[in-house]
C-alpha atoms as a PDB file:
ATOM      1  CA  MET A   1      32.212  86.810  28.549  1.00  0.00           C
ATOM      2  CA  GLY A   2      31.895  86.504  24.810  1.00  0.00           C
ATOM      3  CA  LYS A   3      29.345  88.092  22.468  1.00  0.00           C
ATOM      4  CA  LEU A   4      26.045  86.505  21.556  1.00  0.00           C
ATOM      5  CA  ASN A   5      25.150  87.257  17.939  1.00  0.00           C
ATOM      6  CA  PHE A   6      21.483  87.624  16.960  1.00  0.00           C
ATOM      7  CA  ASP A   7      19.139  89.802  14.975  1.00  0.00           C
ATOM      8  CA  ARG A   8      17.259  91.804  17.572  1.00  0.00           C
ATOM      9  CA  ALA A   9      14.612  93.044  15.122  1.00  0.00           C
ATOM     10  CA  GLU A  10      13.880  89.465  13.933  1.00  0.00           C
ATOM     11  CA  ILE A  11      13.449  88.237  17.460  1.00  0.00           C
ATOM     12  CA  GLU A  12      11.374  91.221  18.515  1.00  0.00           C
ATOM     13  CA  ASP A  13       9.081  90.567  15.613  1.00  0.00           C
ATOM     14  CA  ALA A  14       8.745  86.920  16.571  1.00  0.00           C
ATOM     15  CA  MET A  15       7.955  87.855  20.163  1.00  0.00           C
ATOM     16  CA  ASP A  16       5.240  90.277  19.024  1.00  0.00           C
ATOM     17  CA  ARG A  17       3.681  87.523  16.879  1.00  0.00           C
ATOM     18  CA  ILE A  18       3.876  84.967  19.662  1.00  0.00           C
ATOM     19  CA  VAL A  19       2.176  87.350  22.123  1.00  0.00           C
ATOM     20  CA  GLU A  20      -0.574  88.224  19.676  1.00  0.00           C
ATOM     21  CA  ARG A  21      -1.303  84.568  18.966  1.00  0.00           C
ATOM     22  CA  THR A  22      -1.231  83.701  22.681  1.00  0.00           C
ATOM     23  CA  LYS A  23      -3.853  86.371  23.326  1.00  0.00           C
ATOM     24  CA  ARG A  24      -6.333  84.364  21.226  1.00  0.00           C
ATOM     25  CA  MET A  25      -5.921  81.288  23.359  1.00  0.00           C
ATOM     26  CA  ASP A  26      -8.819  80.530  25.692  1.00  0.00           C
ATOM     27  CA  MET A  27      -6.798  79.317  28.657  1.00  0.00           C
ATOM     28  CA  SER A  28      -8.241  79.088  32.177  1.00  0.00           C
ATOM     29  CA  TRP A  29      -6.414  79.434  35.548  1.00  0.00           C
ATOM     30  CA  ASP A  30      -4.043  76.471  35.322  1.00  0.00           C
ATOM     31  CA  TRP A  31      -0.514  75.620  34.338  1.00  0.00           C
ATOM     32  CA  PRO A  32      -0.738  76.090  30.545  1.00  0.00           C
ATOM     33  CA  CYS A  33      -1.925  79.601  31.123  1.00  0.00           C
ATOM     34  CA  GLY A  34       0.605  80.034  33.926  1.00  0.00           C
ATOM     35  CA  VAL A  35       3.594  79.208  31.697  1.00  0.00           C
ATOM     36  CA  ALA A  36       2.204  81.186  28.729  1.00  0.00           C
ATOM     37  CA  TYR A  37       1.600  84.326  30.807  1.00  0.00           C
ATOM     38  CA  TYR A  38       4.937  83.910  32.539  1.00  0.00           C
ATOM     39  CA  GLY A  39       6.491  84.184  29.066  1.00  0.00           C
ATOM     40  CA  ILE A  40       4.482  87.338  28.303  1.00  0.00           C
ATOM     41  CA  ALA A  41       5.522  88.743  31.638  1.00  0.00           C
ATOM     42  CA  GLN A  42       9.193  88.048  30.892  1.00  0.00           C
ATOM     43  CA  ALA A  43       8.751  89.678  27.463  1.00  0.00           C
ATOM     44  CA  TYR A  44       7.266  92.698  29.140  1.00  0.00           C
ATOM     45  CA  GLU A  45      10.064  92.909  31.670  1.00  0.00           C
ATOM     46  CA  ILE A  46      12.711  93.020  28.972  1.00  0.00           C
ATOM     47  CA  THR A  47      10.934  95.102  26.288  1.00  0.00           C
ATOM     48  CA  LYS A  48       8.705  97.241  28.523  1.00  0.00           C
ATOM     49  CA  LYS A  49       5.960  97.081  25.953  1.00  0.00           C
ATOM     50  CA  GLU A  50       2.867  98.338  27.746  1.00  0.00           C
ATOM     51  CA  SER A  51       0.571  96.401  25.448  1.00  0.00           C
ATOM     52  CA  TYR A  52       1.921  93.129  26.871  1.00  0.00           C
ATOM     53  CA  LEU A  53       1.211  94.266  30.431  1.00  0.00           C
ATOM     54  CA  GLU A  54      -2.206  95.647  29.527  1.00  0.00           C
ATOM     55  CA  PHE A  55      -3.256  92.296  28.057  1.00  0.00           C
ATOM     56  CA  LEU A  56      -2.050  90.378  31.099  1.00  0.00           C
ATOM     57  CA  LYS A  57      -3.971  92.684  33.464  1.00  0.00           C
ATOM     58  CA  GLU A  58      -7.157  92.585  31.390  1.00  0.00           C
ATOM     59  CA  ARG A  59      -7.159  88.799  31.058  1.00  0.00           C
ATOM     60  CA  VAL A  60      -6.068  87.997  34.576  1.00  0.00           C
ATOM     61  CA  ASP A  61      -8.624  90.353  36.062  1.00  0.00           C
ATOM     62  CA  GLU A  62     -11.281  88.638  33.976  1.00  0.00           C
ATOM     63  CA  LEU A  63     -10.215  85.172  35.202  1.00  0.00           C
ATOM     64  CA  ILE A  64     -10.308  86.474  38.761  1.00  0.00           C
ATOM     65  CA  ARG A  65     -13.874  87.791  38.341  1.00  0.00           C
ATOM     66  CA  LEU A  66     -14.947  84.445  36.900  1.00  0.00           C
ATOM     67  CA  GLY A  67     -13.715  82.683  40.056  1.00  0.00           C
ATOM     68  CA  LEU A  68     -10.500  81.010  41.068  1.00  0.00           C
ATOM     69  CA  PRO A  69     -10.082  77.218  41.159  1.00  0.00           C
ATOM     70  CA  ALA A  70      -8.878  75.084  44.106  1.00  0.00           C
ATOM     71  CA  TRP A  71      -5.151  75.309  44.450  1.00  0.00           C
ATOM     72  CA  THR A  72      -2.877  72.564  43.246  1.00  0.00           C
ATOM     73  CA  VAL A  73       0.793  72.457  42.397  1.00  0.00           C
ATOM     74  CA  ASN A  74      -0.143  73.124  38.763  1.00  0.00           C
ATOM     75  CA  THR A  75      -2.582  75.990  39.386  1.00  0.00           C
ATOM     76  CA  CYS A  76       0.107  77.765  41.400  1.00  0.00           C
ATOM     77  CA  ALA A  77       1.906  78.425  38.103  1.00  0.00           C
ATOM     78  CA  MET A  78      -0.366  81.421  37.601  1.00  0.00           C
ATOM     79  CA  GLY A  79       1.415  83.102  40.551  1.00  0.00           C
ATOM     80  CA  HIS A  80       4.332  84.011  38.262  1.00  0.00           C
ATOM     81  CA  CYS A  81       2.365  86.570  36.217  1.00  0.00           C
ATOM     82  CA  LEU A  82       0.711  87.817  39.381  1.00  0.00           C
ATOM     83  CA  LEU A  83       4.144  88.790  40.714  1.00  0.00           C
ATOM     84  CA  THR A  84       4.795  90.904  37.553  1.00  0.00           C
ATOM     85  CA  LEU A  85       1.290  92.493  37.804  1.00  0.00           C
ATOM     86  CA  TYR A  86       1.801  93.299  41.441  1.00  0.00           C
ATOM     87  CA  GLU A  87       5.181  94.841  40.815  1.00  0.00           C
ATOM     88  CA  ALA A  88       3.764  97.001  37.974  1.00  0.00           C
ATOM     89  CA  THR A  89       0.527  98.050  39.632  1.00  0.00           C
ATOM     90  CA  LYS A  90       0.972  97.603  43.403  1.00  0.00           C
ATOM     91  CA  GLU A  91      -2.592  96.348  43.572  1.00  0.00           C
ATOM     92  CA  GLU A  92      -2.911  94.387  46.775  1.00  0.00           C
ATOM     93  CA  SER A  93      -5.517  92.028  45.302  1.00  0.00           C
ATOM     94  CA  TYR A  94      -2.752  90.317  43.309  1.00  0.00           C
ATOM     95  CA  MET A  95      -0.570  89.925  46.408  1.00  0.00           C
ATOM     96  CA  ASP A  96      -3.556  88.514  48.305  1.00  0.00           C
ATOM     97  CA  ILE A  97      -3.833  85.710  45.746  1.00  0.00           C
ATOM     98  CA  ILE A  98      -0.068  85.208  45.746  1.00  0.00           C
ATOM     99  CA  ARG A  99      -0.091  84.781  49.531  1.00  0.00           C
ATOM    100  CA  SER A 100      -3.035  82.328  49.373  1.00  0.00           C
ATOM    101  CA  LYS A 101      -0.987  80.207  46.930  1.00  0.00           C
ATOM    102  CA  VAL A 102       2.025  80.320  49.220  1.00  0.00           C
ATOM    103  CA  ALA A 103      -0.135  79.387  52.176  1.00  0.00           C
ATOM    104  CA  TYR A 104      -1.511  76.426  50.251  1.00  0.00           C
ATOM    105  CA  LEU A 105       1.925  75.171  49.216  1.00  0.00           C
ATOM    106  CA  ARG A 106       3.393  75.693  52.652  1.00  0.00           C
ATOM    107  CA  GLU A 107       0.541  74.406  54.810  1.00  0.00           C
ATOM    108  CA  GLU A 108      -1.887  72.237  52.779  1.00  0.00           C
ATOM    109  CA  ALA A 109      -0.164  70.729  49.773  1.00  0.00           C
ATOM    110  CA  LEU A 110       0.623  67.018  49.952  1.00  0.00           C
ATOM    111  CA  ARG A 111       4.198  66.277  50.826  1.00  0.00           C
ATOM    112  CA  PHE A 112       6.343  63.214  51.560  1.00  0.00           C
ATOM    113  CA  GLY A 113       9.803  62.411  52.902  1.00  0.00           C
ATOM    114  CA  ASP A 114      11.772  65.517  53.774  1.00  0.00           C
ATOM    115  CA  ASN A 115       8.843  67.879  53.066  1.00  0.00           C
ATOM    116  CA  VAL A 116       9.029  67.255  49.363  1.00  0.00           C
ATOM    117  CA  LEU A 117       6.007  68.565  47.411  1.00  0.00           C
ATOM    118  CA  GLN A 118       3.987  65.797  45.748  1.00  0.00           C
ATOM    119  CA  HIS A 119       2.981  66.734  42.242  1.00  0.00           C
ATOM    120  CA  THR A 120      -0.758  67.494  42.079  1.00  0.00           C
ATOM    121  CA  VAL A 121      -2.988  68.375  39.132  1.00  0.00           C
ATOM    122  CA  SER A 122      -6.390  68.267  40.917  1.00  0.00           C
ATOM    123  CA  ALA A 123      -7.927  68.244  44.409  1.00  0.00           C
ATOM    124  CA  ASP A 124      -7.435  64.405  44.437  1.00  0.00           C
ATOM    125  CA  ASN A 125      -4.352  62.498  45.536  1.00  0.00           C
ATOM    126  CA  ASP A 126      -3.369  62.083  41.917  1.00  0.00           C
ATOM    127  CA  PHE A 127       0.086  60.626  42.131  1.00  0.00           C
ATOM    128  CA  PRO A 128       0.817  59.392  45.696  1.00  0.00           C
ATOM    129  CA  GLU A 129       4.355  60.250  46.884  1.00  0.00           C
ATOM    130  CA  GLN A 130       5.514  61.116  43.366  1.00  0.00           C
ATOM    131  CA  CYS A 131       7.767  64.098  42.594  1.00  0.00           C
ATOM    132  CA  TRP A 132       7.892  65.416  39.035  1.00  0.00           C
ATOM    133  CA  ALA A 133      10.367  67.900  37.509  1.00  0.00           C
ATOM    134  CA  ASP A 134       7.247  69.987  36.521  1.00  0.00           C
ATOM    135  CA  THR A 135       6.834  70.941  40.218  1.00  0.00           C
ATOM    136  CA  LEU A 136      10.005  73.025  40.063  1.00  0.00           C
ATOM    137  CA  PHE A 137       8.462  75.505  37.690  1.00  0.00           C
ATOM    138  CA  MET A 138       4.932  75.475  38.964  1.00  0.00           C
ATOM    139  CA  ALA A 139       5.731  75.661  42.703  1.00  0.00           C
ATOM    140  CA  ALA A 140       9.382  75.752  43.862  1.00  0.00           C
ATOM    141  CA  PHE A 141      10.480  78.570  41.512  1.00  0.00           C
ATOM    142  CA  PHE A 142       7.289  80.472  42.417  1.00  0.00           C
ATOM    143  CA  LEU A 143       7.995  80.050  46.161  1.00  0.00           C
ATOM    144  CA  LEU A 144      11.521  81.291  45.649  1.00  0.00           C
ATOM    145  CA  ARG A 145      10.400  84.375  43.773  1.00  0.00           C
ATOM    146  CA  VAL A 146       7.876  85.204  46.516  1.00  0.00           C
ATOM    147  CA  GLY A 147      10.320  84.584  49.314  1.00  0.00           C
ATOM    148  CA  VAL A 148      12.886  86.918  47.727  1.00  0.00           C
ATOM    149  CA  LYS A 149      10.200  89.538  47.051  1.00  0.00           C
ATOM    150  CA  THR A 150       8.855  89.484  50.584  1.00  0.00           C
ATOM    151  CA  LYS A 151      12.180  88.766  52.273  1.00  0.00           C
ATOM    152  CA  GLU A 152      10.783  85.714  54.059  1.00  0.00           C
ATOM    153  CA  GLU A 153      13.697  83.354  54.787  1.00  0.00           C
ATOM    154  CA  GLU A 154      11.447  80.411  55.642  1.00  0.00           C
ATOM    155  CA  VAL A 155       9.811  80.594  52.213  1.00  0.00           C
ATOM    156  CA  ILE A 156      13.197  80.851  50.551  1.00  0.00           C
ATOM    157  CA  LYS A 157      14.446  77.813  52.517  1.00  0.00           C
ATOM    158  CA  ASP A 158      11.397  75.811  51.619  1.00  0.00           C
ATOM    159  CA  ALA A 159      11.886  76.563  47.936  1.00  0.00           C
ATOM    160  CA  LEU A 160      15.537  75.628  48.044  1.00  0.00           C
ATOM    161  CA  ASN A 161      14.651  72.442  49.926  1.00  0.00           C
ATOM    162  CA  GLN A 162      12.334  71.520  46.958  1.00  0.00           C
ATOM    163  CA  TYR A 163      15.261  72.030  44.520  1.00  0.00           C
ATOM    164  CA  TYR A 164      17.589  70.035  46.683  1.00  0.00           C
ATOM    165  CA  TRP A 165      15.342  66.941  46.928  1.00  0.00           C
ATOM    166  CA  HIS A 166      14.146  67.075  43.318  1.00  0.00           C
ATOM    167  CA  ILE A 167      17.791  66.934  42.351  1.00  0.00           C
ATOM    168  CA  GLN A 168      18.389  63.889  44.596  1.00  0.00           C
ATOM    169  CA  TYR A 169      15.320  62.098  43.278  1.00  0.00           C
ATOM    170  CA  LEU A 170      15.354  63.026  39.612  1.00  0.00           C
ATOM    171  CA  GLN A 171      18.886  63.601  38.322  1.00  0.00           C
ATOM    172  CA  ASP A 172      20.938  60.699  37.113  1.00  0.00           C
ATOM    173  CA  GLU A 173      24.434  61.364  38.448  1.00  0.00           C
ATOM    174  CA  LYS A 174      25.988  59.077  35.798  1.00  0.00           C
ATOM    175  CA  THR A 175      24.565  60.994  32.824  1.00  0.00           C
ATOM    176  CA  GLY A 176      23.701  64.409  34.330  1.00  0.00           C
ATOM    177  CA  LEU A 177      20.234  64.103  32.775  1.00  0.00           C
ATOM    178  CA  TRP A 178      16.915  64.343  34.574  1.00  0.00           C
ATOM    179  CA  TYR A 179      14.189  61.770  34.717  1.00  0.00           C
ATOM    180  CA  HIS A 180      10.531  62.941  34.483  1.00  0.00           C
ATOM    181  CA  GLY A 181       9.390  61.549  37.814  1.00  0.00           C
ATOM    182  CA  TYR A 182      10.158  59.512  40.896  1.00  0.00           C
ATOM    183  CA  ASN A 183       7.863  57.248  42.903  1.00  0.00           C
ATOM    184  CA  ASN A 184       8.800  57.223  46.523  1.00  0.00           C
ATOM    185  CA  ILE A 185       6.603  54.240  47.232  1.00  0.00           C
ATOM    186  CA  THR A 186       8.172  51.959  44.693  1.00  0.00           C
ATOM    187  CA  LYS A 187      11.565  53.754  44.922  1.00  0.00           C
ATOM    188  CA  ASP A 188      12.030  54.047  41.207  1.00  0.00           C
ATOM    189  CA  HIS A 189      11.740  56.367  38.250  1.00  0.00           C
ATOM    190  CA  MET A 190       8.812  54.518  36.799  1.00  0.00           C
ATOM    191  CA  SER A 191       9.483  54.396  33.021  1.00  0.00           C
ATOM    192  CA  GLY A 192      12.916  55.882  33.610  1.00  0.00           C
ATOM    193  CA  ILE A 193      12.801  58.296  30.643  1.00  0.00           C
ATOM    194  CA  TYR A 194      14.943  61.384  30.183  1.00  0.00           C
ATOM    195  CA  TRP A 195      11.998  63.478  28.999  1.00  0.00           C
ATOM    196  CA  GLY A 196      12.878  66.737  27.236  1.00  0.00           C
ATOM    197  CA  ARG A 197      10.461  69.022  28.993  1.00  0.00           C
ATOM    198  CA  ALA A 198      11.433  67.622  32.413  1.00  0.00           C
ATOM    199  CA  ASN A 199      14.999  68.629  31.560  1.00  0.00           C
ATOM    200  CA  CYS A 200      13.639  72.009  30.487  1.00  0.00           C
ATOM    201  CA  TRP A 201      11.783  72.611  33.805  1.00  0.00           C
ATOM    202  CA  ALA A 202      14.878  71.640  35.767  1.00  0.00           C
ATOM    203  CA  ALA A 203      17.460  73.563  33.783  1.00  0.00           C
ATOM    204  CA  TYR A 204      15.385  76.687  33.374  1.00  0.00           C
ATOM    205  CA  THR A 205      14.374  77.039  37.037  1.00  0.00           C
ATOM    206  CA  MET A 206      17.817  76.142  38.336  1.00  0.00           C
ATOM    207  CA  SER A 207      19.433  78.733  36.120  1.00  0.00           C
ATOM    208  CA  MET A 208      17.125  81.391  37.552  1.00  0.00           C
ATOM    209  CA  VAL A 209      18.059  80.782  41.212  1.00  0.00           C
ATOM    210  CA  GLY A 210      21.389  82.574  41.035  1.00  0.00           C
ATOM    211  CA  ARG A 211      19.805  85.484  39.162  1.00  0.00           C
ATOM    212  CA  ILE A 212      17.087  86.250  41.695  1.00  0.00           C
ATOM    213  CA  LEU A 213      18.441  85.085  45.072  1.00  0.00           C
ATOM    214  CA  PRO A 214      20.583  87.732  46.798  1.00  0.00           C
ATOM    215  CA  LYS A 215      23.898  86.377  48.100  1.00  0.00           C
ATOM    216  CA  CYS A 216      22.955  82.978  46.735  1.00  0.00           C
ATOM    217  CA  TYR A 217      26.452  81.612  47.488  1.00  0.00           C
ATOM    218  CA  LEU A 218      25.708  81.739  51.194  1.00  0.00           C
ATOM    219  CA  TYR A 219      23.045  79.039  50.859  1.00  0.00           C
ATOM    220  CA  PRO A 220      24.454  75.501  50.849  1.00  0.00           C
ATOM    221  CA  GLN A 221      21.497  74.264  48.764  1.00  0.00           C
ATOM    222  CA  TYR A 222      22.458  76.757  46.065  1.00  0.00           C
ATOM    223  CA  LEU A 223      25.838  75.068  45.596  1.00  0.00           C
ATOM    224  CA  GLU A 224      23.922  71.811  45.068  1.00  0.00           C
ATOM    225  CA  ILE A 225      21.808  73.535  42.431  1.00  0.00           C
ATOM    226  CA  VAL A 226      24.873  74.924  40.648  1.00  0.00           C
ATOM    227  CA  GLY A 227      26.565  71.533  40.591  1.00  0.00           C
ATOM    228  CA  SER A 228      23.395  69.923  39.233  1.00  0.00           C
ATOM    229  CA  LEU A 229      22.917  72.545  36.493  1.00  0.00           C
ATOM    230  CA  ASN A 230      26.563  72.391  35.422  1.00  0.00           C
ATOM    231  CA  GLU A 231      26.360  68.629  35.003  1.00  0.00           C
ATOM    232  CA  GLN A 232      23.013  68.757  33.228  1.00  0.00           C
ATOM    233  CA  LEU A 233      23.958  71.466  30.682  1.00  0.00           C
ATOM    234  CA  SER A 234      27.283  69.802  29.880  1.00  0.00           C
ATOM    235  CA  ALA A 235      25.357  66.636  29.071  1.00  0.00           C
ATOM    236  CA  LEU A 236      22.537  68.366  27.151  1.00  0.00           C
ATOM    237  CA  LYS A 237      24.819  70.302  24.883  1.00  0.00           C
ATOM    238  CA  LEU A 238      26.069  67.051  23.448  1.00  0.00           C
ATOM    239  CA  LEU A 239      22.502  65.993  22.669  1.00  0.00           C
ATOM    240  CA  GLN A 240      21.585  69.155  20.700  1.00  0.00           C
ATOM    241  CA  THR A 241      20.469  68.273  17.206  1.00  0.00           C
ATOM    242  CA  GLU A 242      21.861  69.772  14.019  1.00  0.00           C
ATOM    243  CA  ASN A 243      18.816  72.057  14.022  1.00  0.00           C
ATOM    244  CA  GLY A 244      19.765  73.574  17.375  1.00  0.00           C
ATOM    245  CA  LEU A 245      17.022  71.677  19.229  1.00  0.00           C
ATOM    246  CA  TRP A 246      16.460  68.854  21.661  1.00  0.00           C
ATOM    247  CA  ARG A 247      14.199  65.801  21.331  1.00  0.00           C
ATOM    248  CA  THR A 248      11.165  64.854  23.399  1.00  0.00           C
ATOM    249  CA  ILE A 249      13.363  62.039  24.790  1.00  0.00           C
ATOM    250  CA  VAL A 250      16.670  63.783  24.835  1.00  0.00           C
ATOM    251  CA  ASP A 251      18.861  60.732  24.307  1.00  0.00           C
ATOM    252  CA  ASP A 252      16.589  58.989  21.747  1.00  0.00           C
ATOM    253  CA  GLU A 253      17.488  59.867  18.171  1.00  0.00           C
ATOM    254  CA  GLU A 254      14.240  58.304  16.920  1.00  0.00           C
ATOM    255  CA  SER A 255      12.054  60.666  18.950  1.00  0.00           C
ATOM    256  CA  TYR A 256      10.953  64.004  17.522  1.00  0.00           C
ATOM    257  CA  GLU A 257      12.454  67.408  18.164  1.00  0.00           C
ATOM    258  CA  GLU A 258      10.255  69.208  20.734  1.00  0.00           C
ATOM    259  CA  LEU A 259      10.148  72.971  20.906  1.00  0.00           C
ATOM    260  CA  SER A 260       9.016  73.775  24.501  1.00  0.00           C
ATOM    261  CA  ALA A 261      11.876  71.699  25.868  1.00  0.00           C
ATOM    262  CA  SER A 262      14.292  73.193  23.324  1.00  0.00           C
ATOM    263  CA  ALA A 263      13.362  76.750  24.237  1.00  0.00           C
ATOM    264  CA  GLY A 264      13.628  76.123  27.971  1.00  0.00           C
ATOM    265  CA  ILE A 265      16.978  74.353  27.769  1.00  0.00           C
ATOM    266  CA  ALA A 266      18.409  77.072  25.508  1.00  0.00           C
ATOM    267  CA  ALA A 267      17.054  79.691  27.872  1.00  0.00           C
ATOM    268  CA  ALA A 268      18.864  77.974  30.751  1.00  0.00           C
ATOM    269  CA  MET A 269      22.096  78.035  28.832  1.00  0.00           C
ATOM    270  CA  THR A 270      21.603  81.720  28.080  1.00  0.00           C
ATOM    271  CA  ILE A 271      20.831  82.627  31.707  1.00  0.00           C
ATOM    272  CA  LYS A 272      23.742  80.519  33.012  1.00  0.00           C
ATOM    273  CA  GLY A 273      26.133  82.787  31.166  1.00  0.00           C
ATOM    274  CA  ASN A 274      28.891  80.275  30.349  1.00  0.00           C
ATOM    275  CA  PRO A 275      30.638  81.588  27.168  1.00  0.00           C
ATOM    276  CA  LEU A 276      31.335  78.018  26.050  1.00  0.00           C
ATOM    277  CA  HIS A 277      27.591  77.705  25.455  1.00  0.00           C
ATOM    278  CA  ILE A 278      27.337  80.614  23.008  1.00  0.00           C
ATOM    279  CA  LYS A 279      27.617  78.427  19.922  1.00  0.00           C
ATOM    280  CA  TYR A 280      24.803  76.163  21.173  1.00  0.00           C
ATOM    281  CA  ILE A 281      22.585  79.188  22.068  1.00  0.00           C
ATOM    282  CA  GLU A 282      23.057  80.685  18.663  1.00  0.00           C
ATOM    283  CA  LYS A 283      22.023  77.455  17.000  1.00  0.00           C
ATOM    284  CA  SER A 284      18.966  77.361  19.227  1.00  0.00           C
ATOM    285  CA  ILE A 285      17.949  80.916  18.362  1.00  0.00           C
ATOM    286  CA  GLN A 286      17.727  79.972  14.720  1.00  0.00           C
ATOM    287  CA  GLY A 287      16.112  76.607  15.520  1.00  0.00           C
ATOM    288  CA  VAL A 288      13.324  78.129  17.647  1.00  0.00           C
ATOM    289  CA  LEU A 289      12.767  81.020  15.221  1.00  0.00           C
ATOM    290  CA  SER A 290      12.276  78.584  12.407  1.00  0.00           C
ATOM    291  CA  HIS A 291       9.338  77.088  14.320  1.00  0.00           C
ATOM    292  CA  VAL A 292       7.481  80.349  14.866  1.00  0.00           C
ATOM    293  CA  THR A 293       4.715  80.617  12.225  1.00  0.00           C
ATOM    294  CA  THR A 294       3.713  83.866  10.568  1.00  0.00           C
ATOM    295  CA  ASP A 295       0.718  84.061  12.929  1.00  0.00           C
ATOM    296  CA  GLY A 296       2.867  83.442  16.042  1.00  0.00           C
ATOM    297  CA  ARG A 297       2.343  79.804  16.851  1.00  0.00           C
ATOM    298  CA  LEU A 298       5.305  77.821  18.099  1.00  0.00           C
ATOM    299  CA  THR A 299       5.078  74.476  16.274  1.00  0.00           C
ATOM    300  CA  ASP A 300       6.079  70.951  17.327  1.00  0.00           C
ATOM    301  CA  VAL A 301       5.227  71.356  20.971  1.00  0.00           C
ATOM    302  CA  SER A 302       4.193  68.091  22.659  1.00  0.00           C
ATOM    303  CA  GLY A 303       0.899  67.970  24.462  1.00  0.00           C
ATOM    304  CA  GLY A 304       0.354  67.651  28.194  1.00  0.00           C
ATOM    305  CA  THR A 305       2.357  64.645  29.369  1.00  0.00           C
ATOM    306  CA  ALA A 306       2.024  62.544  32.525  1.00  0.00           C
ATOM    307  CA  VAL A 307       4.862  60.210  33.506  1.00  0.00           C
ATOM    308  CA  MET A 308       4.170  57.758  30.659  1.00  0.00           C
ATOM    309  CA  LYS A 309       4.489  53.975  30.978  1.00  0.00           C
ATOM    310  CA  ASP A 310       7.254  53.573  28.382  1.00  0.00           C
ATOM    311  CA  ARG A 311       9.323  55.062  25.568  1.00  0.00           C
ATOM    312  CA  GLU A 312       6.469  54.727  23.073  1.00  0.00           C
ATOM    313  CA  GLY A 313       4.196  56.671  25.344  1.00  0.00           C
ATOM    314  CA  TYR A 314       6.458  59.726  25.121  1.00  0.00           C
ATOM    315  CA  ARG A 315       7.202  59.379  21.438  1.00  0.00           C
ATOM    316  CA  ASN A 316       3.509  59.244  20.536  1.00  0.00           C
ATOM    317  CA  ILE A 317       2.370  62.363  22.383  1.00  0.00           C
ATOM    318  CA  SER A 318       0.800  64.674  19.778  1.00  0.00           C
ATOM    319  CA  LYS A 319       2.734  67.784  18.688  1.00  0.00           C
ATOM    320  CA  LYS A 320       0.032  69.044  16.357  1.00  0.00           C
ATOM    321  CA  TRP A 321      -1.645  71.751  18.437  1.00  0.00           C
ATOM    322  CA  ILE A 322      -0.668  75.110  19.905  1.00  0.00           C
ATOM    323  CA  GLN A 323       0.215  74.864  23.595  1.00  0.00           C
ATOM    324  CA  GLY A 324       0.544  77.579  26.223  1.00  0.00           C
ATOM    325  CA  TRP A 325       3.814  76.182  27.556  1.00  0.00           C
ATOM    326  CA  GLY A 326       5.351  76.297  24.151  1.00  0.00           C
ATOM    327  CA  GLN A 327       4.380  79.915  23.652  1.00  0.00           C
ATOM    328  CA  GLY A 328       5.624  80.863  27.106  1.00  0.00           C
ATOM    329  CA  MET A 329       8.958  79.111  26.999  1.00  0.00           C
ATOM    330  CA  ALA A 330       9.738  80.589  23.580  1.00  0.00           C
ATOM    331  CA  LEU A 331       9.124  84.045  25.007  1.00  0.00           C
ATOM    332  CA  ALA A 332      11.204  83.255  28.026  1.00  0.00           C
ATOM    333  CA  PHE A 333      14.099  82.173  25.795  1.00  0.00           C
ATOM    334  CA  PHE A 334      13.947  85.252  23.654  1.00  0.00           C
ATOM    335  CA  ALA A 335      13.744  87.502  26.728  1.00  0.00           C
ATOM    336  CA  ALA A 336      16.859  85.779  28.084  1.00  0.00           C
ATOM    337  CA  VAL A 337      18.670  86.362  24.779  1.00  0.00           C
ATOM    338  CA  PHE A 338      17.793  90.048  24.923  1.00  0.00           C
ATOM    339  CA  ASN A 339      19.194  90.184  28.475  1.00  0.00           C
ATOM    340  CA  TYR A 340      22.397  88.331  27.670  1.00  0.00           C
ATOM    341  CA  ASP A 341      24.701  91.344  27.869  1.00  0.00           C
ATOM    342  CA  ASN A 342      23.540  91.986  31.409  1.00  0.00           C
ATOM    343  CA  ILE A 343      24.322  88.522  32.633  1.00  0.00           C
ATOM    344  CA  THR A 344      27.539  87.927  34.502  1.00  0.00           C
ATOM    345  CA  GLY A 345      28.877  84.364  34.796  1.00  0.00           C
ATOM    346  CA  ASP A 346      29.005  82.750  38.202  1.00  0.00           C
ATOM    347  CA  GLY A 347      32.763  82.316  38.171  1.00  0.00           C
ATOM    348  CA  ALA A 348      34.079  79.239  39.899  1.00  0.00           C
ATOM    349  CA  LEU A 349      30.575  78.072  40.991  1.00  0.00           C
END
């Protein structure tokens, strides 16, 4: 398949620093914590460092004791680390929360059209009949992981249905790139921006489907996912900067390089396993490592971003502060790099 060249010790040191810095972050039960702790969980899965797992258990148990919030699409992101904790400890309390999240998504969450999940960030009807690429990570990927774990075909089918319709609504077939959001009421992509992190959410979660879904080739929706991902990655590779990164608006050379998107897109390329992407992955390894500070902060990560009104809205989002999703996606990327030798390409798919 081709050999990926990297300095394992250098990356492992960066991962340790990122985890240590993430431990200091005071994140509550919501999507920033969900993505950050997903990254730590992935780092644990690949390195088996018990200190990573011990931190997750201690902090998650504390958050549970303090009281869980109302479920939304975004708060369901915390389900990812719960799956790792349940697998490691077999404590049913984690599975109880996982099942309550699934029940919410399947029975209560707002939907439109062909049972497409509307993106929600609170108990209100925040964005009527809008689908965002963010939902794929926070909810669809989570549903898929649970469905595979519990062998519930209806949950798997629901997850794949989310992928299918998000592809139809959000991917531009002419360019292969993904828009941030779609408004089903106005039938448009609102500002129509190819946002970097939207492309990260789409690429990363699509790349994971074939890795976790047994006999994925027997699901027609999976072939749609593969086609979408192939087109997207072939477009994104041409937009990689000289620094091995991607911009916050991927096709706008005047927008800044953004590290959460860069890590997620590079992780997707790594997990996809196409040897033609090795040179792009290797550039990304150096690009992401160069943005990990000595104390473990991933720099140049854009703040929380709604579907903005225009190009300037995206370009002016602050990238000054540490963000959980940056920490988490960097860890997910490095974990994928460590696992590269175990990845087999999907052949003709």
